[in-house]
Amino acid sequence: MYLNPAWRVLTVGDGDLSFSNAIMTHLKPALLVASTYDDEATINKKYTDNQLAKLRATGITVLTEFDVTNPISWQRLDEQKFDVVVFQFPLIPAFKGETEFRNNTQRSSMNVLNRALLHLYLKHAHQFALDKRGEMLIYITSKDVKPYREWNIEGSLNQGLAVS
């Protein structure tokens, strides 16, 4: 993934904020806003080695409880615009353990839910976050393993997505 230090960067869904911290530390972009789905208490409980305090101490805006599927979350950007929006390994948590995963017979519905998540991410990032005079890049990091390879990211996400 290429990121230019002159770009304004928004990260979404960065659970422990380590990805955003790495961008801040190694790239030092013109602007960085980091976001995570969890609230502050959950971040501190779930990730004992999170980067929330470090990012805030360096003046980075961190938006907690940022749900990419909800336009209200995107509106919290207060019309601030970006050159690139990055969703780092998006995934709807589906199972509470291996037993629940093995007993689930509806894995395909999770694929549909994850594709819907990504479709809304693309739609809302374009609508609310990208500067039409900027680079207008929307990144999704992925892996060539289950469940990511089952989502048909390249083929299905842009269907019905009107971009002007």
Protein backbone atom coordinates (compact mmCIF):
# COMPACT_ATOMS: atom_id res chain seq x y z
CA MET A 1 0.00 0.00 0.00
CA TYR A 2 1.37 3.39 -0.96
CA LEU A 3 0.76 6.39 1.27
CA ASN A 4 2.20 9.80 0.50
CA PRO A 5 3.30 11.92 3.49
CA ALA A 6 1.56 14.93 1.92
CA TRP A 7 -1.82 13.18 2.06
CA ARG A 8 -4.57 13.60 4.62
CA VAL A 9 -5.28 10.10 5.96
CA LEU A 10 -8.32 8.66 7.73
CA THR A 11 -8.07 5.17 9.19
CA VAL A 12 -11.24 3.29 10.10
CA GLY A 13 -11.77 0.14 12.12
CA ASP A 14 -8.26 0.18 13.59
CA GLY A 15 -9.01 -1.96 16.67
CA ASP A 16 -5.96 -1.32 18.87
CA LEU A 17 -4.87 1.72 16.83
CA SER A 18 -1.45 0.17 16.11
CA PHE A 19 -1.88 0.69 12.35
CA SER A 20 -2.65 4.38 12.85
CA ASN A 21 0.30 4.67 15.23
CA ALA A 22 2.60 3.10 12.62
CA ILE A 23 1.39 5.59 10.01
CA MET A 24 1.98 8.47 12.42
CA THR A 25 5.42 7.20 13.47
CA HIS A 26 6.84 6.19 10.09
CA LEU A 27 4.96 8.33 7.55
CA LYS A 28 4.10 11.50 9.47
CA PRO A 29 1.27 12.45 7.10
CA ALA A 30 0.01 16.00 6.65
CA LEU A 31 -3.10 14.97 8.62
CA LEU A 32 -4.08 11.76 10.34
CA VAL A 33 -7.43 11.00 11.92
CA ALA A 34 -7.80 7.52 13.42
CA SER A 35 -11.02 5.73 14.25
CA THR A 36 -12.07 2.53 15.88
CA TYR A 37 -15.40 0.76 16.31
CA ASP A 38 -15.03 0.19 20.06
CA ASP A 39 -15.52 2.75 22.81
CA GLU A 40 -12.55 3.84 24.90
CA ALA A 41 -13.27 1.48 27.81
CA THR A 42 -13.56 -1.51 25.47
CA ILE A 43 -10.32 -0.61 23.70
CA ASN A 44 -8.45 -0.49 27.01
CA LYS A 45 -10.01 -3.76 28.20
CA LYS A 46 -9.70 -5.68 24.92
CA TYR A 47 -6.21 -4.46 23.94
CA THR A 48 -3.89 -3.99 26.89
CA ASP A 49 -1.16 -2.74 24.51
CA ASN A 50 -3.26 -0.23 22.54
CA GLN A 51 -2.06 3.07 21.11
CA LEU A 52 -4.99 5.29 22.09
CA ALA A 53 -3.19 7.40 24.70
CA LYS A 54 -0.05 7.70 22.57
CA LEU A 55 -1.98 8.96 19.54
CA ARG A 56 -3.92 11.46 21.59
CA ALA A 57 -0.72 12.65 23.31
CA THR A 58 0.73 13.50 19.90
CA GLY A 59 -2.35 15.50 18.94
CA ILE A 60 -3.92 12.90 16.65
CA THR A 61 -7.72 12.96 16.64
CA VAL A 62 -9.08 9.52 17.56
CA LEU A 63 -12.77 8.86 17.00
CA THR A 64 -14.08 5.98 19.09
CA GLU A 65 -17.42 4.24 18.46
CA PHE A 66 -17.00 4.91 14.73
CA ASP A 67 -19.34 2.60 12.81
CA VAL A 68 -18.58 2.68 9.06
CA THR A 69 -22.13 1.53 8.29
CA ASN A 70 -23.71 4.51 10.06
CA PRO A 71 -23.74 7.92 8.30
CA ILE A 72 -23.88 9.64 11.71
CA SER A 73 -20.39 8.33 12.50
CA TRP A 74 -19.06 9.78 9.24
CA GLN A 75 -20.74 13.10 9.98
CA ARG A 76 -18.59 13.34 13.12
CA LEU A 77 -15.74 14.25 10.75
CA ASP A 78 -17.34 17.73 10.65
CA GLU A 79 -16.85 17.97 6.90
CA GLN A 80 -13.10 17.44 7.25
CA LYS A 81 -11.85 15.91 3.99
CA PHE A 82 -9.14 13.37 3.20
CA ASP A 83 -7.04 12.14 0.30
CA VAL A 84 -7.22 8.51 1.39
CA VAL A 85 -9.39 6.42 3.71
CA VAL A 86 -8.01 3.06 4.88
CA PHE A 87 -9.99 0.16 6.37
CA GLN A 88 -7.44 -2.19 7.90
CA PHE A 89 -8.56 -5.85 7.65
CA PRO A 90 -12.32 -5.29 8.00
CA LEU A 91 -14.28 -8.13 9.53
CA ILE A 92 -17.61 -8.49 11.27
CA PRO A 93 -16.94 -10.57 14.39
CA ALA A 94 -19.24 -13.52 13.98
CA PHE A 95 -18.33 -16.27 16.39
CA LYS A 96 -17.45 -16.35 20.06
CA GLY A 97 -15.23 -19.38 19.72
CA GLU A 98 -14.11 -22.32 17.62
CA THR A 99 -17.04 -24.51 18.71
CA GLU A 100 -19.58 -21.92 17.60
CA PHE A 101 -17.72 -21.52 14.29
CA ARG A 102 -17.63 -25.27 13.60
CA ASN A 103 -21.34 -25.64 14.42
CA ASN A 104 -22.45 -22.75 12.20
CA THR A 105 -24.07 -23.88 8.97
CA GLN A 106 -24.72 -20.36 7.62
CA ARG A 107 -21.19 -19.15 6.87
CA SER A 108 -22.31 -17.78 3.53
CA SER A 109 -24.57 -15.28 5.29
CA MET A 110 -21.50 -13.92 7.10
CA ASN A 111 -19.89 -13.39 3.69
CA VAL A 112 -22.93 -11.38 2.64
CA LEU A 113 -22.78 -9.32 5.83
CA ASN A 114 -19.09 -8.60 5.36
CA ARG A 115 -19.64 -7.58 1.73
CA ALA A 116 -22.46 -5.28 2.89
CA LEU A 117 -20.10 -3.77 5.48
CA LEU A 118 -17.51 -3.06 2.81
CA HIS A 119 -20.07 -1.71 0.35
CA LEU A 120 -21.32 0.78 2.95
CA TYR A 121 -17.71 1.67 3.79
CA LEU A 122 -17.04 2.53 0.13
CA LYS A 123 -20.27 4.49 -0.19
CA HIS A 124 -19.84 6.50 3.01
CA ALA A 125 -16.11 7.14 2.56
CA HIS A 126 -16.83 8.61 -0.85
CA GLN A 127 -19.85 10.57 0.33
CA PHE A 128 -18.50 11.97 3.59
CA ALA A 129 -14.70 11.77 3.75
CA LEU A 130 -12.96 12.17 0.40
CA ASP A 131 -11.91 15.53 -0.94
CA LYS A 132 -13.01 15.75 -4.58
CA ARG A 133 -9.93 17.90 -5.25
CA GLY A 134 -7.63 15.33 -3.61
CA GLU A 135 -6.43 11.84 -4.50
CA MET A 136 -9.84 10.24 -3.74
CA LEU A 137 -8.43 6.86 -2.71
CA ILE A 138 -10.30 4.27 -0.68
CA TYR A 139 -8.17 1.36 0.53
CA ILE A 140 -9.25 -1.99 1.92
CA THR A 141 -6.50 -4.20 3.24
CA SER A 142 -7.22 -7.88 2.84
CA LYS A 143 -5.65 -11.32 2.94
CA ASP A 144 -5.82 -14.28 0.59
CA VAL A 145 -7.32 -16.50 3.29
CA LYS A 146 -10.79 -17.26 4.60
CA PRO A 147 -13.00 -15.36 5.04
CA TYR A 148 -11.53 -12.50 2.96
CA ARG A 149 -11.09 -14.46 -0.26
CA GLU A 150 -14.76 -15.49 -0.17
CA TRP A 151 -16.07 -11.92 -0.32
CA ASN A 152 -15.35 -11.29 -4.01
CA ILE A 153 -14.04 -7.83 -3.13
CA GLU A 154 -12.90 -7.01 -6.66
CA GLY A 155 -16.14 -8.09 -8.31
CA SER A 156 -19.05 -7.46 -6.00
CA LEU A 157 -18.34 -4.37 -3.93
CA ASN A 158 -18.73 -1.77 -6.64
CA GLN A 159 -22.06 -3.06 -7.95
CA GLY A 160 -24.69 -0.39 -7.58
CA LEU A 161 -22.19 2.13 -6.23
CA ALA A 162 -22.87 5.45 -7.91
CA VAL A 163 -19.74 7.59 -7.90
CA SER A 164 -19.71 11.09 -9.34
